[in-house]
Amino acid sequence: MIHPIPSGTRDVLPDELRELRAITDGMRAVFHERGYGEVATPALEYEEVLTRGDTAAADPAYRLFDEHGNVLVLRSDMTIPIARVVATRYPTAPVPLRFFYLQHAYRAVRQHRGQPREILQAGIELVGAPGPEGTAEAVIVLCAALDATGLTAYKVGLGDASLFVRALERVGVPEGARPKILHELATRDLVGLERELEGVGAGELLALARTRGDVGVLEGVPEAEPLRELYRQLPDDVRRRVIFDLGLVRTLGYYTGAVFEVYDAAFGAPIGGGGRYDDLLGRFGRELPACGWALDVERIHAARLQEPGA
């Protein structure tokens, strides 16, 4: 007899759970050492709270109603709930505030794609520390946490969510044409991006979207000065992990500056990411700069098993 479970979810058995626990214990030790305090929030949030943070976050895996008819959804990430926590529980607390979490998030997925709905995330939120110093701290803690998991082949791709917007402004692309261009960039559709850029006479920016490599690729790009300053803030062991991707943006709309993704050759998709979101806290009533990231613990585990010497 087969008793199904919801698509995109799975049972985790003792051997795997023991290995996952070793990974999260290693990261937890790093977070404590760096002065981050653990926080947990309800898996259920009011839909209006997530929408206030970002409309894309209100595309939930599950939606239901409470006894008063209010719409509840399972959180799709931890950044917006923590922004709510800062505004309501820390309205006058001195900054910076340092939080970490090990929590599940829930995402809407396409059927028959084998994508998970339930994701175990480990991450941090650094609130009240402006860039580039705050961003550098987040990247340094990110690398320390990844080192603690046993991964050895990972790279951190660095970009800037505002870089391409400023480049479009520099070459005079009309404001009304920019959303479609940025959509093609966010979905990594370079064919569509080329079509849209050629349509507004800005085809030379296609090369910018394809630019990827070491710090040398930032030369001659006026919009890349924030990334150059970030690089100067990083220690040598972290610099060796960094690659720059000038076409990198994140799909969530609350990112405002530096953004990053984590890659490992042993896994065919990003295993985490994050960035600066300096406008998000203000939507909840406390204007503060912030930066954070999240790692998919199960993807880290899969990459760890595939790396040489595992």
Foldseek 3Di string as FASTA:
>chain_A
DDDDDDQQDDDDDDVVVVLLVQLVVLLVVLCVVVPAAEDDDDQKDFLVQLVLLFVVQSPAQDWDADPVRTIIGGGQDCPSVVLLCCVPVVVPPDDFHKYKYFDWHAHHDDPPPSHHRIFTKTKMKTWFDDPDLQVLVQLVSVVSSLVSSVDDFKAKEKEWQCQVVVVCVVVPQDPVLPVQLLVCLQVVVLVSNCVSCVVRPNNVCSVQQADKFAPVSCPPRVSCVRVVVSLVNHDPVSSVRYMYGHSDDHPTDQAGTMKIFMDGPQDDDTQKIWHKRQCSSVSSPHRITMIMMMGGSVRSVSSSVRDPPD
